[in-house]
Amino acid sequence: MQTYYFVLASQKFLCEDEPLEEVFVERHRYYNEQEKEVDFWLVKEPAFLDAPELADFKAKCPQPAAAVVSTNKQFITWLKLRLEYVLTGEFQAPSDSIAEPTASLAAAV
C-alpha cells in the first residue's frame, strides 16, 4: 500500500479562485528537468471522500470538492502553506474502502 497526501477544498476555490495552473506548469517543468515522475494529481469530486475513514473531511468541505493528491508529503505541506484555506489529510491505497486514489465521481463530459 502507498500513502497518499491531499489538500482538499471546494472545486471553485481550487480550480477557479487559486492560480493552481501556474503551480502545476512550474512543477511539471521542474520534474521534467529532474527526470522525475509526476507524483501529484488534481481530482475533481474525489471518490476517496466516500471512504468511511474520511467522512469528517467530506462533511467539512464545501461540495463539489476538489483535491490535489500526491505521494509527496512535502509538496502537500507546501501547498497547504500557499493556499491556507484548505484541509489536509492522508490515506492508504489501494484498500478495501479506496480502490483507486485518484478516482473521480465527476460525470464524464
C-alpha atoms as a PDB file:
ATOM      1  CA  MET A   1       0.000   0.000   0.000  1.00  0.00           C
ATOM      2  CA  GLN A   2       1.043   3.564  -0.717  1.00  0.00           C
ATOM      3  CA  THR A   3       0.385   6.628   1.430  1.00  0.00           C
ATOM      4  CA  TYR A   4      -1.314   9.478  -0.416  1.00  0.00           C
ATOM      5  CA  TYR A   5      -1.474  13.014   0.946  1.00  0.00           C
ATOM      6  CA  PHE A   6      -4.005  15.621  -0.108  1.00  0.00           C
ATOM      7  CA  VAL A   7      -5.199  19.191   0.103  1.00  0.00           C
ATOM      8  CA  LEU A   8      -8.956  19.483  -0.128  1.00  0.00           C
ATOM      9  CA  ALA A   9     -11.204  22.462  -0.799  1.00  0.00           C
ATOM     10  CA  SER A  10     -14.234  23.422  -2.795  1.00  0.00           C
ATOM     11  CA  GLN A  11     -13.828  22.892  -6.517  1.00  0.00           C
ATOM     12  CA  LYS A  12     -14.481  26.593  -7.084  1.00  0.00           C
ATOM     13  CA  PHE A  13     -11.661  27.574  -4.724  1.00  0.00           C
ATOM     14  CA  LEU A  14      -9.053  25.167  -6.119  1.00  0.00           C
ATOM     15  CA  CYS A  15      -9.983  25.391  -9.786  1.00  0.00           C
ATOM     16  CA  GLU A  16     -11.134  28.992 -10.205  1.00  0.00           C
ATOM     17  CA  ASP A  17     -10.039  31.211  -7.306  1.00  0.00           C
ATOM     18  CA  GLU A  18      -6.459  29.935  -6.950  1.00  0.00           C
ATOM     19  CA  PRO A  19      -3.914  30.021  -9.790  1.00  0.00           C
ATOM     20  CA  LEU A  20      -3.071  26.311  -9.484  1.00  0.00           C
ATOM     21  CA  GLU A  21      -2.397  26.022 -13.197  1.00  0.00           C
ATOM     22  CA  GLU A  22       0.834  28.021 -12.882  1.00  0.00           C
ATOM     23  CA  VAL A  23       1.903  25.888  -9.899  1.00  0.00           C
ATOM     24  CA  PHE A  24       1.317  22.707 -11.910  1.00  0.00           C
ATOM     25  CA  VAL A  25       3.081  24.040 -15.011  1.00  0.00           C
ATOM     26  CA  GLU A  26       6.132  25.031 -12.966  1.00  0.00           C
ATOM     27  CA  ARG A  27       6.127  21.739 -11.067  1.00  0.00           C
ATOM     28  CA  HIS A  28       5.875  19.743 -14.338  1.00  0.00           C
ATOM     29  CA  ARG A  29       8.768  21.746 -15.786  1.00  0.00           C
ATOM     30  CA  TYR A  30      10.886  21.060 -12.702  1.00  0.00           C
ATOM     31  CA  TYR A  31      10.044  17.340 -12.757  1.00  0.00           C
ATOM     32  CA  ASN A  32      10.986  17.124 -16.455  1.00  0.00           C
ATOM     33  CA  GLU A  33      14.328  18.804 -15.757  1.00  0.00           C
ATOM     34  CA  GLN A  34      14.992  16.400 -12.891  1.00  0.00           C
ATOM     35  CA  GLU A  35      13.729  13.415 -14.927  1.00  0.00           C
ATOM     36  CA  LYS A  36      11.326  12.721 -12.097  1.00  0.00           C
ATOM     37  CA  GLU A  37       7.953  11.014 -12.496  1.00  0.00           C
ATOM     38  CA  VAL A  38       4.887  13.159 -11.742  1.00  0.00           C
ATOM     39  CA  ASP A  39       3.536  12.309  -8.288  1.00  0.00           C
ATOM     40  CA  PHE A  40       0.599  14.703  -7.974  1.00  0.00           C
ATOM     41  CA  TRP A  41      -2.885  14.913  -9.471  1.00  0.00           C
ATOM     42  CA  LEU A  42      -5.844  17.299  -9.402  1.00  0.00           C
ATOM     43  CA  VAL A  43      -9.004  15.302  -8.716  1.00  0.00           C
ATOM     44  CA  LYS A  44     -12.438  16.876  -9.042  1.00  0.00           C
ATOM     45  CA  GLU A  45     -15.088  15.288  -6.822  1.00  0.00           C
ATOM     46  CA  PRO A  46     -12.611  12.774  -5.365  1.00  0.00           C
ATOM     47  CA  ALA A  47     -14.069   9.321  -4.781  1.00  0.00           C
ATOM     48  CA  PHE A  48     -11.802   8.750  -1.760  1.00  0.00           C
ATOM     49  CA  LEU A  49     -14.071  11.090   0.236  1.00  0.00           C
ATOM     50  CA  ASP A  50     -16.690   8.325   0.227  1.00  0.00           C
ATOM     51  CA  ALA A  51     -14.409   6.133   2.357  1.00  0.00           C
ATOM     52  CA  PRO A  52     -15.818   5.858   5.901  1.00  0.00           C
ATOM     53  CA  GLU A  53     -12.495   6.893   7.440  1.00  0.00           C
ATOM     54  CA  LEU A  54     -12.591  10.202   5.520  1.00  0.00           C
ATOM     55  CA  ALA A  55     -16.227  11.111   6.286  1.00  0.00           C
ATOM     56  CA  ASP A  56     -15.127  14.019   8.512  1.00  0.00           C
ATOM     57  CA  PHE A  57     -13.238  15.607   5.616  1.00  0.00           C
ATOM     58  CA  LYS A  58     -16.246  15.291   3.327  1.00  0.00           C
ATOM     59  CA  ALA A  59     -18.507  16.840   5.984  1.00  0.00           C
ATOM     60  CA  LYS A  60     -16.162  19.821   6.482  1.00  0.00           C
ATOM     61  CA  CYS A  61     -15.540  20.608   2.816  1.00  0.00           C
ATOM     62  CA  PRO A  62     -17.966  22.568   0.620  1.00  0.00           C
ATOM     63  CA  GLN A  63     -19.235  20.474  -2.273  1.00  0.00           C
ATOM     64  CA  PRO A  64     -18.440  19.852  -5.012  1.00  0.00           C
ATOM     65  CA  ALA A  65     -14.944  19.310  -3.720  1.00  0.00           C
ATOM     66  CA  ALA A  66     -11.591  19.022  -5.430  1.00  0.00           C
ATOM     67  CA  ALA A  67      -8.278  17.735  -4.168  1.00  0.00           C
ATOM     68  CA  VAL A  68      -4.643  17.767  -5.076  1.00  0.00           C
ATOM     69  CA  VAL A  69      -3.401  14.273  -4.283  1.00  0.00           C
ATOM     70  CA  SER A  70       0.276  13.355  -4.074  1.00  0.00           C
ATOM     71  CA  THR A  71       2.651  10.757  -2.753  1.00  0.00           C
ATOM     72  CA  ASN A  72       4.963  13.644  -1.817  1.00  0.00           C
ATOM     73  CA  LYS A  73       4.117  14.881   1.685  1.00  0.00           C
ATOM     74  CA  GLN A  74       6.405  17.924   1.373  1.00  0.00           C
ATOM     75  CA  PHE A  75       4.582  19.137  -1.753  1.00  0.00           C
ATOM     76  CA  ILE A  76       1.218  18.912   0.025  1.00  0.00           C
ATOM     77  CA  THR A  77       2.623  20.744   3.063  1.00  0.00           C
ATOM     78  CA  TRP A  78       3.932  23.474   0.747  1.00  0.00           C
ATOM     79  CA  LEU A  79       0.522  23.728  -0.976  1.00  0.00           C
ATOM     80  CA  LYS A  80      -1.222  23.993   2.402  1.00  0.00           C
ATOM     81  CA  LEU A  81       1.013  26.917   3.349  1.00  0.00           C
ATOM     82  CA  ARG A  82       0.481  28.594  -0.027  1.00  0.00           C
ATOM     83  CA  LEU A  83      -3.286  28.105  -0.200  1.00  0.00           C
ATOM     84  CA  GLU A  84      -4.125  28.470   3.529  1.00  0.00           C
ATOM     85  CA  TYR A  85      -7.867  27.755   3.373  1.00  0.00           C
ATOM     86  CA  VAL A  86      -7.675  24.045   2.618  1.00  0.00           C
ATOM     87  CA  LEU A  87      -7.964  20.828   4.569  1.00  0.00           C
ATOM     88  CA  THR A  88      -5.069  18.379   4.539  1.00  0.00           C
ATOM     89  CA  GLY A  89      -5.015  14.687   5.217  1.00  0.00           C
ATOM     90  CA  GLU A  90      -3.706  11.338   4.136  1.00  0.00           C
ATOM     91  CA  PHE A  91      -4.907   7.856   3.335  1.00  0.00           C
ATOM     92  CA  GLN A  92      -3.564   4.473   2.324  1.00  0.00           C
ATOM     93  CA  ALA A  93      -4.475   2.950  -1.036  1.00  0.00           C
ATOM     94  CA  PRO A  94      -5.356   0.665  -2.569  1.00  0.00           C
ATOM     95  CA  SER A  95      -7.520  -0.544   0.293  1.00  0.00           C
ATOM     96  CA  ASP A  96     -10.970  -2.038   0.815  1.00  0.00           C
ATOM     97  CA  SER A  97     -12.528   1.432   1.005  1.00  0.00           C
ATOM     98  CA  ILE A  98     -10.271   3.238  -1.515  1.00  0.00           C
ATOM     99  CA  ALA A  99      -9.528   1.163  -4.584  1.00  0.00           C
ATOM    100  CA  GLU A 100      -8.175   3.973  -6.785  1.00  0.00           C
ATOM    101  CA  PRO A 101      -6.619   7.026  -5.063  1.00  0.00           C
ATOM    102  CA  THR A 102      -7.221   9.413  -7.975  1.00  0.00           C
ATOM    103  CA  ALA A 103     -10.725   8.252  -8.946  1.00  0.00           C
ATOM    104  CA  SER A 104     -13.333  10.952  -9.516  1.00  0.00           C
ATOM    105  CA  LEU A 105     -17.091  10.931  -9.069  1.00  0.00           C
ATOM    106  CA  ALA A 106     -17.454  13.761 -11.598  1.00  0.00           C
ATOM    107  CA  ALA A 107     -19.566  12.864 -14.583  1.00  0.00           C
ATOM    108  CA  ALA A 108     -17.580  12.500 -17.778  1.00  0.00           C
ATOM    109  CA  VAL A 109     -18.291  15.284 -20.224  1.00  0.00           C
END
